[in-house]
Protein backbone atom coordinates (compact mmCIF):
# COMPACT_ATOMS: atom_id res chain seq x y z
CA MET A 1 45.24 -3.34 -7.25
CA ALA A 2 47.05 -2.02 -10.50
CA LEU A 3 47.94 -4.80 -12.89
CA GLN A 4 50.82 -3.99 -15.00
CA LEU A 5 52.93 -6.09 -17.29
CA GLN A 6 56.35 -5.07 -18.18
CA LEU A 7 57.02 -5.98 -21.78
CA PRO A 8 60.41 -5.49 -23.82
CA LEU A 9 60.52 -2.97 -26.40
CA PRO A 10 59.72 -4.13 -29.82
CA ARG A 11 62.66 -5.55 -31.80
CA PRO A 12 63.49 -3.52 -34.90
CA LEU A 13 62.00 -4.96 -38.11
CA ALA A 14 64.11 -5.44 -41.10
CA VAL A 15 62.69 -4.10 -44.26
CA ALA A 16 61.24 -7.07 -46.33
CA ARG A 17 63.40 -8.14 -49.20
CA PRO A 18 62.17 -9.59 -52.49
CA SER A 19 63.14 -12.96 -51.33
CA ILE A 20 60.54 -14.55 -49.03
CA LEU A 21 62.82 -17.11 -47.58
CA LEU A 22 65.38 -16.91 -44.82
CA PRO A 23 68.87 -18.56 -45.25
CA SER A 24 68.57 -22.22 -44.00
CA PRO A 25 70.99 -23.49 -41.50
CA ALA A 26 73.53 -26.08 -42.46
CA HIS A 27 71.42 -28.74 -40.60
CA GLY A 28 68.98 -29.05 -43.26
CA ALA A 29 66.06 -26.99 -44.76
CA SER A 30 63.24 -29.22 -43.22
CA ALA A 31 64.67 -29.21 -39.79
CA SER A 32 65.23 -25.57 -39.91
CA ALA A 33 61.68 -24.91 -41.02
CA THR A 34 60.21 -27.03 -38.27
CA ALA A 35 62.32 -25.45 -35.65
CA LEU A 36 61.50 -21.94 -36.56
CA HIS A 37 57.93 -22.73 -36.80
CA ALA A 38 58.12 -24.28 -33.27
CA ARG A 39 59.79 -21.10 -31.95
CA ALA A 40 56.95 -19.13 -33.42
CA GLY A 41 54.24 -21.47 -32.09
CA GLY A 42 53.08 -18.82 -29.92
CA VAL A 43 50.96 -17.21 -32.83
CA ALA A 44 48.18 -19.86 -32.04
CA PHE A 45 47.26 -18.00 -28.88
CA SER A 46 46.01 -14.91 -30.70
CA LEU A 47 42.48 -13.97 -30.07
CA GLN A 48 41.70 -13.61 -33.77
CA THR A 49 43.54 -16.69 -34.70
CA ASN A 50 42.24 -19.32 -32.34
CA VAL A 51 40.54 -21.03 -35.04
CA ARG A 52 37.07 -22.50 -34.59
CA LEU A 53 36.84 -25.25 -37.28
CA ILE A 54 34.19 -24.71 -39.78
CA LYS A 55 30.59 -25.83 -39.39
CA PRO A 56 29.92 -26.77 -43.08
CA ASN A 57 26.19 -26.64 -42.71
CA ARG A 58 26.06 -22.94 -41.78
CA ARG A 59 25.14 -20.67 -44.60
CA VAL A 60 26.45 -17.15 -45.19
CA ARG A 61 24.05 -14.32 -45.14
CA ARG A 62 25.03 -13.10 -48.59
CA SER A 63 26.65 -14.70 -51.59
CA ARG A 64 29.22 -12.77 -53.47
CA ASP A 65 27.48 -13.95 -56.70
CA PRO A 66 24.00 -15.42 -56.69
CA TYR A 67 24.99 -18.06 -59.33
CA TYR A 68 27.47 -19.55 -56.94
CA ASP A 69 26.68 -21.30 -53.72
CA LEU A 70 28.86 -20.29 -50.71
CA ASP A 71 28.40 -22.16 -47.43
CA GLU A 72 31.41 -21.30 -45.42
CA ASP A 73 31.18 -19.26 -42.36
CA ASP A 74 30.99 -15.51 -42.65
CA GLU A 75 34.17 -13.90 -41.35
CA GLU A 76 32.51 -10.56 -40.12
CA GLU A 77 31.97 -9.68 -36.62
CA ALA A 78 28.23 -9.97 -36.67
CA GLU A 79 27.51 -7.98 -33.50
CA PHE A 80 29.36 -4.96 -34.65
CA ASP A 81 28.71 -5.05 -38.33
CA GLU A 82 24.98 -5.33 -38.38
CA ASP A 83 24.78 -2.05 -40.35
CA ASP A 84 27.84 -2.66 -42.60
CA ASP A 85 26.93 -2.64 -46.45
CA ASP A 86 29.88 -4.93 -47.39
CA GLU A 87 30.47 -5.61 -50.90
CA GLY A 88 32.06 -8.77 -52.14
CA TYR A 89 35.48 -8.76 -53.85
CA GLU A 90 34.90 -9.21 -57.68
CA SER A 91 37.33 -10.49 -60.28
CA ASP A 92 37.73 -8.99 -63.63
CA ASP A 93 38.16 -12.75 -65.06
CA ASP A 94 35.06 -14.49 -66.14
CA MET A 95 35.31 -17.66 -63.95
CA SER A 96 31.59 -18.33 -64.35
CA GLY A 97 31.88 -22.08 -63.72
CA LEU A 98 33.58 -21.89 -60.27
CA GLU A 99 32.22 -21.17 -56.92
CA TYR A 100 35.49 -19.13 -56.00
CA PRO A 101 36.67 -16.87 -58.78
CA GLY A 102 40.28 -17.30 -57.42
CA VAL A 103 40.53 -13.90 -55.46
CA LEU A 104 40.27 -13.04 -51.93
CA TYR A 105 37.24 -14.53 -50.42
CA SER A 106 35.10 -12.51 -48.05
CA ASN A 107 33.59 -15.52 -46.06
CA SER A 108 36.37 -17.72 -44.88
CA PRO A 109 36.08 -19.80 -41.85
CA ARG A 110 36.02 -17.21 -39.11
CA ALA A 111 38.27 -17.23 -36.14
CA SER A 112 36.84 -17.87 -32.75
CA SER A 113 35.01 -14.75 -31.34
CA LYS A 114 33.21 -16.14 -28.27
CA ARG A 115 33.66 -13.57 -25.46
CA GLN A 116 32.87 -13.29 -21.89
CA GLU A 117 31.21 -9.89 -21.24
CA LEU A 118 32.59 -7.54 -18.89
CA GLU A 119 35.39 -9.75 -17.86
CA PRO A 120 38.95 -8.07 -17.61
CA PRO A 121 41.13 -8.98 -20.55
CA LEU A 122 43.74 -11.85 -19.81
CA VAL A 123 47.27 -10.60 -19.39
CA LYS A 124 49.22 -12.73 -22.06
CA GLU A 125 52.94 -13.53 -22.00
CA ASN A 126 55.16 -12.20 -24.78
CA TRP A 127 55.17 -15.25 -26.86
CA GLU A 128 57.99 -15.58 -29.12
CA GLY A 129 57.27 -14.84 -32.72
CA ARG A 130 54.63 -12.17 -31.88
CA GLN A 131 55.28 -8.55 -31.83
CA PRO A 132 55.75 -7.12 -28.47
CA LYS A 133 53.09 -4.47 -27.61
CA THR A 134 54.17 -0.82 -27.81
CA ARG A 135 51.79 0.52 -25.13
CA ASP A 136 55.04 1.69 -22.96
CA ASN A 137 55.60 4.23 -25.66
CA TYR A 138 52.34 5.83 -24.98
CA GLY A 139 52.17 5.44 -21.05
CA SER A 140 51.14 3.13 -18.56
CA PRO A 141 48.10 0.89 -19.38
CA GLY A 142 46.39 2.47 -16.19
CA LYS A 143 44.33 1.08 -13.40
CA SER A 144 42.82 -2.46 -13.94
CA LYS A 145 39.76 -1.35 -11.92
CA SER A 146 38.82 0.95 -14.69
CA LEU A 147 38.01 -1.98 -16.86
CA TYR A 148 34.68 -2.16 -15.00
CA PRO A 149 31.80 0.31 -15.47
CA ARG A 150 32.05 3.26 -12.88
CA SER A 151 29.15 4.17 -10.54
CA LYS A 152 27.26 7.33 -11.69
CA VAL A 153 26.65 8.21 -7.99
CA GLY A 154 28.88 11.00 -6.82
CA ARG A 155 30.63 11.34 -10.18
CA PRO A 156 31.52 14.94 -10.85
CA SER A 157 29.84 16.57 -14.00
CA MET A 158 32.23 17.19 -16.97
CA ASP A 159 32.25 20.57 -18.73
CA LEU A 160 32.59 19.11 -22.27
CA LYS A 161 31.75 22.49 -24.03
CA ASN A 162 34.98 23.95 -22.71
CA MET A 163 37.02 20.82 -22.76
CA ASP A 164 39.77 20.84 -25.32
CA SER A 165 38.48 23.86 -26.80
CA GLU A 166 41.70 24.47 -28.88
CA VAL A 167 40.95 21.30 -30.72
CA GLU A 168 39.01 21.43 -33.76
CA LEU A 169 36.65 18.27 -33.77
CA LYS A 170 35.25 16.65 -37.09
CA ASN A 171 31.92 15.57 -35.32
CA ALA A 172 31.78 17.86 -32.56
CA SER A 173 28.05 17.42 -31.71
CA ILE A 174 28.15 13.60 -32.22
CA SER A 175 31.44 12.85 -30.57
CA ARG A 176 30.88 15.04 -27.51
CA SER A 177 27.51 13.54 -26.84
CA LEU A 178 29.01 10.09 -27.29
CA PHE A 179 32.12 10.93 -25.31
CA GLN A 180 29.77 12.18 -22.33
CA LYS A 181 28.03 8.78 -22.30
CA LEU A 182 31.31 6.79 -22.11
CA GLN A 183 32.48 8.94 -19.33
CA GLU A 184 29.39 8.36 -17.43
CA GLU A 185 29.66 4.69 -17.61
CA TYR A 186 33.50 4.18 -17.97
CA ASP A 187 36.74 6.00 -16.88
CA PHE A 188 37.43 7.69 -20.21
CA ASP A 189 40.03 10.32 -19.82
CA ASP A 190 39.44 13.72 -21.21
CA LYS A 191 42.50 13.66 -23.30
CA TRP A 192 40.88 10.91 -25.30
CA LEU A 193 38.10 13.08 -26.96
CA PRO A 194 40.18 13.99 -30.05
CA LEU A 195 40.90 10.25 -30.70
CA ILE A 196 37.46 9.26 -30.17
CA ASP A 197 36.14 11.97 -32.44
CA TYR A 198 38.59 11.01 -35.24
CA LEU A 199 37.50 7.32 -34.91
CA CYS A 200 33.92 8.20 -35.18
CA THR A 201 34.58 9.21 -38.85
CA PHE A 202 34.95 5.56 -39.58
CA GLY A 203 31.59 4.73 -38.15
CA LEU A 204 32.58 3.44 -34.67
CA LYS A 205 29.67 3.65 -32.06
CA GLU A 206 29.33 3.52 -28.43
CA SER A 207 29.30 -0.32 -28.40
CA HIS A 208 32.59 -0.40 -30.36
CA PHE A 209 34.43 1.90 -28.12
CA THR A 210 33.16 0.08 -24.99
CA TYR A 211 34.21 -3.25 -26.49
CA ILE A 212 37.82 -1.92 -27.43
CA TYR A 213 37.95 -0.28 -23.85
CA GLU A 214 37.43 -3.56 -22.12
CA ARG A 215 39.64 -5.43 -24.45
CA HIS A 216 42.48 -3.26 -25.12
CA MET A 217 42.37 0.08 -23.15
CA ALA A 218 45.94 1.10 -23.85
CA CYS A 219 45.21 2.03 -27.61
CA PHE A 220 43.21 5.07 -26.38
CA GLN A 221 46.43 6.57 -24.98
CA ILE A 222 47.92 7.37 -28.40
CA SER A 223 47.47 10.86 -29.96
CA GLN A 224 44.89 11.55 -32.63
CA ALA A 225 47.74 12.56 -34.88
CA SER A 226 49.60 9.13 -34.40
CA ALA A 227 46.35 7.21 -35.06
CA GLU A 228 45.58 9.27 -38.23
CA GLU A 229 49.08 8.66 -39.43
CA ARG A 230 48.67 4.87 -39.03
CA LEU A 231 45.23 4.68 -40.58
CA ASP A 232 46.09 6.92 -43.48
CA PHE A 233 48.89 4.39 -44.35
CA LEU A 234 46.37 1.57 -44.33
CA LEU A 235 44.05 3.51 -46.42
CA SER A 236 46.97 4.27 -49.04
CA ALA A 237 47.74 0.58 -48.90
CA GLY A 238 44.23 -0.28 -50.22
CA VAL A 239 41.99 -0.66 -47.14
CA LYS A 240 38.65 0.59 -47.73
CA SER A 241 37.43 3.15 -45.29
CA LYS A 242 34.05 1.04 -44.82
CA ASP A 243 36.40 -1.83 -43.56
CA MET A 244 38.22 0.18 -41.02
CA LYS A 245 35.58 -0.11 -38.39
CA ARG A 246 35.77 -3.90 -38.50
CA ILE A 247 39.59 -3.73 -38.44
CA LEU A 248 39.75 -1.55 -35.42
CA VAL A 249 37.20 -3.74 -33.46
CA ARG A 250 38.94 -7.03 -34.16
CA GLN A 251 42.37 -5.60 -33.73
CA PRO A 252 42.39 -2.32 -31.84
CA GLN A 253 46.26 -2.83 -31.18
CA ILE A 254 46.84 -1.77 -34.77
CA LEU A 255 46.55 1.93 -33.44
CA GLU A 256 49.72 1.34 -31.52
CA TYR A 257 51.87 -0.41 -34.11
CA THR A 258 54.58 1.75 -35.45
CA LEU A 259 54.45 2.97 -39.01
CA GLY A 260 57.66 1.04 -39.68
CA ASN A 261 55.84 -2.22 -38.52
CA LEU A 262 52.92 -1.54 -40.80
CA LYS A 263 55.17 -0.83 -43.71
CA SER A 264 57.47 -3.93 -43.16
CA HIS A 265 54.22 -6.21 -43.20
CA VAL A 266 53.01 -4.67 -46.47
CA ASP A 267 56.44 -5.10 -48.09
CA PHE A 268 56.36 -8.87 -47.01
CA LEU A 269 53.05 -9.28 -48.70
CA VAL A 270 54.51 -7.71 -51.98
CA SER A 271 57.61 -9.89 -51.59
CA ILE A 272 55.57 -13.22 -51.61
CA GLY A 273 53.68 -12.05 -54.75
CA VAL A 274 50.44 -10.45 -53.60
CA PRO A 275 49.41 -7.84 -56.15
CA ASN A 276 49.04 -4.29 -54.74
CA THR A 277 45.38 -4.27 -55.54
CA ARG A 278 44.82 -7.05 -53.15
CA ILE A 279 46.87 -5.81 -50.12
CA GLY A 280 44.09 -4.09 -48.70
CA GLN A 281 41.80 -6.91 -48.82
CA ILE A 282 44.22 -9.21 -47.10
CA ILE A 283 44.75 -6.57 -44.41
CA SER A 284 40.94 -6.31 -43.79
CA ALA A 285 40.55 -10.09 -43.68
CA ALA A 286 43.48 -10.82 -41.29
CA PRO A 287 44.51 -7.62 -39.37
CA SER A 288 45.97 -9.54 -36.66
CA MET A 289 48.89 -10.15 -39.19
CA PHE A 290 50.68 -6.96 -37.82
CA SER A 291 51.05 -8.68 -34.45
CA TYR A 292 53.25 -11.10 -35.73
CA SER A 293 56.93 -10.66 -36.36
CA VAL A 294 57.78 -10.84 -40.12
CA GLU A 295 61.10 -12.66 -39.64
CA GLN A 296 60.11 -14.93 -36.75
CA SER A 297 56.59 -16.03 -37.73
CA LEU A 298 55.45 -14.94 -41.19
CA LYS A 299 58.38 -15.87 -43.19
CA PRO A 300 58.81 -19.28 -41.41
CA THR A 301 55.18 -19.94 -42.09
CA VAL A 302 55.58 -19.19 -45.73
CA ARG A 303 58.86 -21.42 -45.81
CA TYR A 304 56.89 -24.32 -44.28
CA LEU A 305 54.25 -24.12 -46.94
CA ILE A 306 56.82 -24.38 -49.60
CA GLU A 307 59.18 -26.91 -48.11
CA GLU A 308 56.80 -29.22 -46.08
CA VAL A 309 53.46 -28.67 -47.74
CA GLY A 310 55.00 -28.66 -51.17
CA ILE A 311 53.25 -25.36 -52.60
CA GLU A 312 55.14 -23.87 -55.45
CA GLU A 313 56.78 -20.60 -54.55
CA SER A 314 55.10 -18.94 -57.39
CA ASP A 315 51.57 -20.06 -55.86
CA VAL A 316 52.29 -18.59 -52.35
CA GLY A 317 50.71 -15.19 -53.13
CA LYS A 318 47.72 -16.75 -54.63
CA VAL A 319 47.34 -18.99 -51.44
CA VAL A 320 47.47 -16.10 -49.22
CA GLN A 321 44.92 -14.17 -51.17
CA LEU A 322 42.45 -17.08 -51.07
CA SER A 323 43.13 -17.58 -47.30
CA PRO A 324 44.84 -14.70 -45.61
CA GLN A 325 44.28 -16.36 -42.17
CA ILE A 326 46.82 -19.09 -43.17
CA LEU A 327 49.66 -16.55 -42.24
CA VAL A 328 48.55 -16.48 -38.61
CA GLN A 329 47.50 -19.87 -37.92
CA LYS A 330 49.46 -22.91 -36.80
CA ILE A 331 49.30 -25.03 -39.93
CA ASP A 332 51.89 -27.60 -39.30
CA SER A 333 49.50 -30.05 -37.21
CA ALA A 334 46.56 -29.08 -39.58
CA TRP A 335 48.67 -30.16 -42.69
CA LYS A 336 49.83 -33.34 -41.23
CA SER A 337 46.43 -34.54 -39.93
CA ARG A 338 44.54 -33.75 -43.10
CA SER A 339 47.26 -35.06 -45.40
CA LEU A 340 47.46 -38.35 -43.48
CA PHE A 341 43.55 -38.58 -43.39
CA MET A 342 43.27 -38.01 -47.20
CA THR A 343 45.97 -40.66 -47.85
CA LYS A 344 44.37 -43.24 -45.72
CA GLU A 345 40.73 -42.58 -46.61
CA LEU A 346 40.99 -41.88 -50.40
CA GLY A 347 44.55 -43.22 -51.16
CA ALA A 348 45.20 -39.67 -52.31
CA PRO A 349 48.91 -38.95 -53.39
CA LYS A 350 50.70 -36.11 -51.97
CA ASP A 351 50.54 -34.15 -55.34
CA SER A 352 46.78 -34.36 -55.30
CA ILE A 353 46.50 -33.07 -51.66
CA VAL A 354 48.89 -30.22 -52.57
CA LYS A 355 46.51 -29.26 -55.45
CA MET A 356 43.70 -29.21 -53.16
CA VAL A 357 45.40 -26.98 -50.66
CA THR A 358 46.72 -24.75 -53.45
CA LYS A 359 43.21 -24.24 -55.02
CA HIS A 360 41.46 -24.25 -51.51
CA PRO A 361 43.75 -23.55 -48.54
CA GLN A 362 40.66 -23.31 -46.30
CA LEU A 363 40.99 -27.13 -46.26
CA LEU A 364 43.44 -26.75 -43.58
CA HIS A 365 40.72 -25.18 -41.32
CA TYR A 366 37.85 -27.70 -41.89
CA SER A 367 37.03 -30.21 -39.13
CA ILE A 368 37.84 -33.81 -40.21
CA GLU A 369 35.01 -35.50 -38.23
CA ASP A 370 32.27 -32.89 -38.86
CA GLY A 371 33.26 -31.50 -42.15
CA ILE A 372 35.46 -33.48 -44.59
CA LEU A 373 34.50 -37.07 -43.61
CA PRO A 374 30.57 -36.50 -43.81
CA ARG A 375 30.98 -35.21 -47.30
CA ILE A 376 33.11 -38.03 -48.47
CA ASN A 377 30.54 -40.50 -47.05
CA PHE A 378 27.91 -38.72 -49.03
CA LEU A 379 29.72 -39.07 -52.21
CA ARG A 380 30.15 -42.67 -51.36
CA SER A 381 26.51 -43.17 -50.63
CA ILE A 382 25.36 -41.80 -53.95
CA GLY A 383 27.60 -44.41 -55.78
CA MET A 384 31.04 -42.73 -56.30
CA ARG A 385 34.30 -44.64 -55.73
CA ASN A 386 37.07 -43.47 -53.95
CA SER A 387 38.93 -42.73 -57.19
CA ASP A 388 35.99 -40.67 -58.46
CA ILE A 389 35.70 -38.75 -55.21
CA LEU A 390 39.54 -38.06 -55.55
CA LYS A 391 39.09 -36.73 -58.98
CA VAL A 392 36.13 -34.44 -57.81
CA LEU A 393 37.85 -33.14 -54.69
CA THR A 394 41.19 -32.53 -56.57
CA SER A 395 39.16 -30.58 -59.29
CA LEU A 396 36.82 -28.72 -57.00
CA THR A 397 37.96 -28.92 -53.31
CA GLN A 398 35.29 -26.41 -52.50
CA VAL A 399 32.79 -29.13 -52.34
CA LEU A 400 33.98 -29.78 -48.92
CA SER A 401 32.66 -26.56 -47.71
CA LEU A 402 29.19 -26.96 -49.13
CA SER A 403 26.01 -27.96 -46.89
CA LEU A 404 24.82 -31.49 -47.19
CA GLU A 405 21.17 -30.86 -46.59
CA ASP A 406 20.73 -27.52 -48.29
CA ASN A 407 23.27 -27.88 -51.22
CA LEU A 408 24.70 -31.23 -52.18
CA LYS A 409 21.68 -33.41 -51.70
CA PRO A 410 19.17 -31.22 -53.53
CA LYS A 411 21.61 -30.88 -56.45
CA TYR A 412 22.15 -34.65 -56.58
CA LEU A 413 18.25 -35.23 -56.53
CA TYR A 414 17.92 -32.71 -59.36
CA LEU A 415 20.86 -34.35 -61.36
CA VAL A 416 19.22 -37.87 -61.43
CA ASN A 417 15.52 -37.05 -61.24
CA GLU A 418 15.32 -34.02 -63.43
CA LEU A 419 18.35 -33.90 -65.62
CA LYS A 420 18.23 -37.80 -66.11
CA ASN A 421 22.05 -37.94 -65.44
CA GLU A 422 24.13 -40.56 -63.80
CA VAL A 423 26.35 -39.68 -60.88
CA GLN A 424 29.35 -40.51 -62.85
CA SER A 425 28.82 -37.24 -64.97
CA LEU A 426 30.09 -35.42 -61.79
CA THR A 427 33.54 -36.62 -62.37
CA LYS A 428 33.69 -35.00 -65.70
CA TYR A 429 31.78 -31.74 -64.54
CA PRO A 430 32.41 -31.37 -60.81
CA MET A 431 31.71 -27.82 -61.06
CA TYR A 432 27.97 -28.68 -61.24
CA LEU A 433 28.09 -28.92 -57.43
CA SER A 434 29.42 -25.54 -57.07
CA LEU A 435 26.67 -23.83 -59.13
CA SER A 436 23.48 -22.38 -57.56
CA LEU A 437 20.49 -24.66 -57.96
CA ASP A 438 18.03 -21.90 -57.91
CA GLN A 439 19.82 -19.29 -59.78
CA ARG A 440 21.49 -21.20 -62.61
CA ILE A 441 20.86 -24.90 -62.87
CA ARG A 442 17.09 -25.00 -62.68
CA PRO A 443 16.46 -21.80 -64.67
CA ARG A 444 18.66 -22.91 -67.65
CA HIS A 445 17.00 -26.48 -67.66
CA ARG A 446 13.52 -25.08 -67.43
CA PHE A 447 14.15 -22.40 -70.01
CA LEU A 448 15.36 -24.89 -72.77
CA VAL A 449 12.47 -27.21 -71.90
CA SER A 450 10.03 -24.34 -72.40
CA LEU A 451 11.74 -23.60 -75.72
CA LYS A 452 11.68 -27.36 -76.55
CA LYS A 453 15.45 -27.20 -77.18
CA ALA A 454 16.21 -29.53 -74.27
CA PRO A 455 18.26 -32.52 -75.85
CA LYS A 456 16.68 -35.89 -75.47
CA GLY A 457 18.34 -38.29 -72.90
CA PRO A 458 20.70 -36.85 -70.19
CA PHE A 459 20.72 -33.18 -70.07
CA PRO A 460 24.10 -31.78 -70.89
CA LEU A 461 25.91 -30.43 -67.86
CA SER A 462 28.14 -28.28 -70.13
CA SER A 463 25.28 -26.00 -70.77
CA PHE A 464 25.55 -24.74 -67.09
CA VAL A 465 29.24 -23.80 -67.48
CA PRO A 466 29.23 -20.70 -69.67
CA THR A 467 28.05 -17.11 -68.94
CA ASP A 468 24.38 -16.28 -69.36
CA GLU A 469 25.10 -14.42 -72.56
CA ARG A 470 26.96 -17.32 -74.25
CA PHE A 471 24.22 -19.73 -73.07
CA CYS A 472 21.54 -17.76 -74.86
CA GLN A 473 23.74 -17.65 -78.02
CA ARG A 474 24.88 -21.18 -78.18
CA TRP A 475 22.12 -23.12 -76.40
CA ALA A 476 18.85 -21.17 -76.33
CA GLY A 477 19.22 -19.02 -79.41
CA THR A 478 17.31 -16.03 -77.70
CA SER A 479 18.24 -12.60 -76.27
CA LEU A 480 19.69 -12.27 -72.83
CA GLU A 481 16.67 -10.18 -71.74
CA THR A 482 14.34 -13.11 -72.75
CA TYR A 483 16.20 -15.45 -70.50
CA HIS A 484 16.56 -13.12 -67.57
CA THR A 485 12.74 -12.33 -67.61
CA PHE A 486 12.06 -16.07 -67.60
CA ARG A 487 14.38 -16.68 -64.72
CA GLN A 488 13.09 -13.75 -62.74
CA ARG A 489 9.58 -15.13 -63.05
CA LEU A 490 10.64 -18.55 -61.99
CA LEU A 491 12.48 -17.29 -58.96
CA LEU A 492 9.31 -15.32 -57.85
CA THR A 493 7.24 -18.50 -58.30
CA GLY A 494 9.74 -20.54 -56.33
CA PHE A 495 9.83 -17.97 -53.67
CA ALA A 496 6.15 -17.92 -53.29
CA GLU A 497 6.01 -21.83 -53.15
CA LYS A 498 8.76 -21.85 -50.42
CA SER A 499 7.07 -19.32 -48.34
CA GLY A 500 3.91 -20.84 -48.45
CA ARG A 501 2.09 -18.23 -50.51
CA LYS A 502 0.20 -18.85 -53.81
CA THR A 503 0.79 -16.62 -56.58
CA LEU A 504 -1.94 -14.16 -57.34
CA VAL A 505 -3.92 -14.79 -60.50
CA SER A 506 -5.80 -11.79 -61.91
CA ARG A 507 -9.49 -12.34 -62.56
CA ARG A 508 -11.12 -11.39 -65.58
């Protein structure tokens, strides 16, 4: 039986203005923000934004910089990006002492992506605050039974050589062969070939198309020209071509959104202070943003961050760059629960908590029981008082994202056993906890020891802060090449020891 859902046409979206706040009713700003946020509460039901609270012990596959330890979950869809060559986002500024250089991070706590294979997608209500789907502009969504693989028995053969002969394909040999496979297993319409061929230019494969088909078949009903118009706009906004595959897999509905919808959301990002150079990165990190109304959802979220959380209006753009998902997640309950916890557990004043969220908005995604509390208890176990812990977390909130067993504990043991430092030194140099033990801390310490330039007594943690070049000039008095050679040799030795191998010694 055909399953259809009649949805209202999308509301016309107003062009984003420079002001990021809507006029507040006379009943009060706080009540207005709360009411609007409640009306837009449906955003929490998005597939991409049903947040799975972070597992802080899980390590990412790659770090943006080997000198820093990053332990947050990788945001990529692993099953579809196994062959991606994703590069990290780099900053022009030298923030060598910090784990996160203050730009869009590429490994935020990821949204829930647990799927049930070969199940028909659930028909969702049109939650207020979320953009209605525009599938009616492109035809009926079709038969629900076509979501399941079709039997090959008795299926008529397709004449792909003559099909759409008037259409010039970019990857004719590849796309026709792939399309034939899709037709053998699924009810792919002949008219979809030009669109499939165009999407193949972004690296989509058979598994991507079948996943998109099972999840949102309606997107295949738009024309190739319409899809090219929309994706060309995203590319012009700064989205990298290599990121388009991940965007299409995570948010295939983006092919259906009108060009005006896409432009209004980009204008909104500019209006809250996001630089043009970062727009593409935010879209890549949170493409589901386009399914939320600017007026009914995104602006009320920003207003809540300013009026209720207490983030300065001038800092909103920076917060969104650090955690784009904050725009599409329900943050009121997350803020209230974590703010109350920090106040009761550490006696943290609101301004300190606001600083934490401003520097590291991912705090709003972390589990209290499995993430935040175990790290606070660890800092207590090594002799830090609540006031010291508060200083560390206010200065470097990213500590809450680091693994206990693989990161914090080894660094603490090295601090007291090798560097002969007291735990109180961390309150002055909390960034020590964010630096890589293998890539920066141990090599610099061992290098100065080998040169007999290591100070007597506690080893100065300030020597780990500057760049390699300044470290060589100020502390080692050697060339940068000499230090890099020493570090590389130390890393190879450490790798051999960890892997159970013994370094080969040449016999004379």
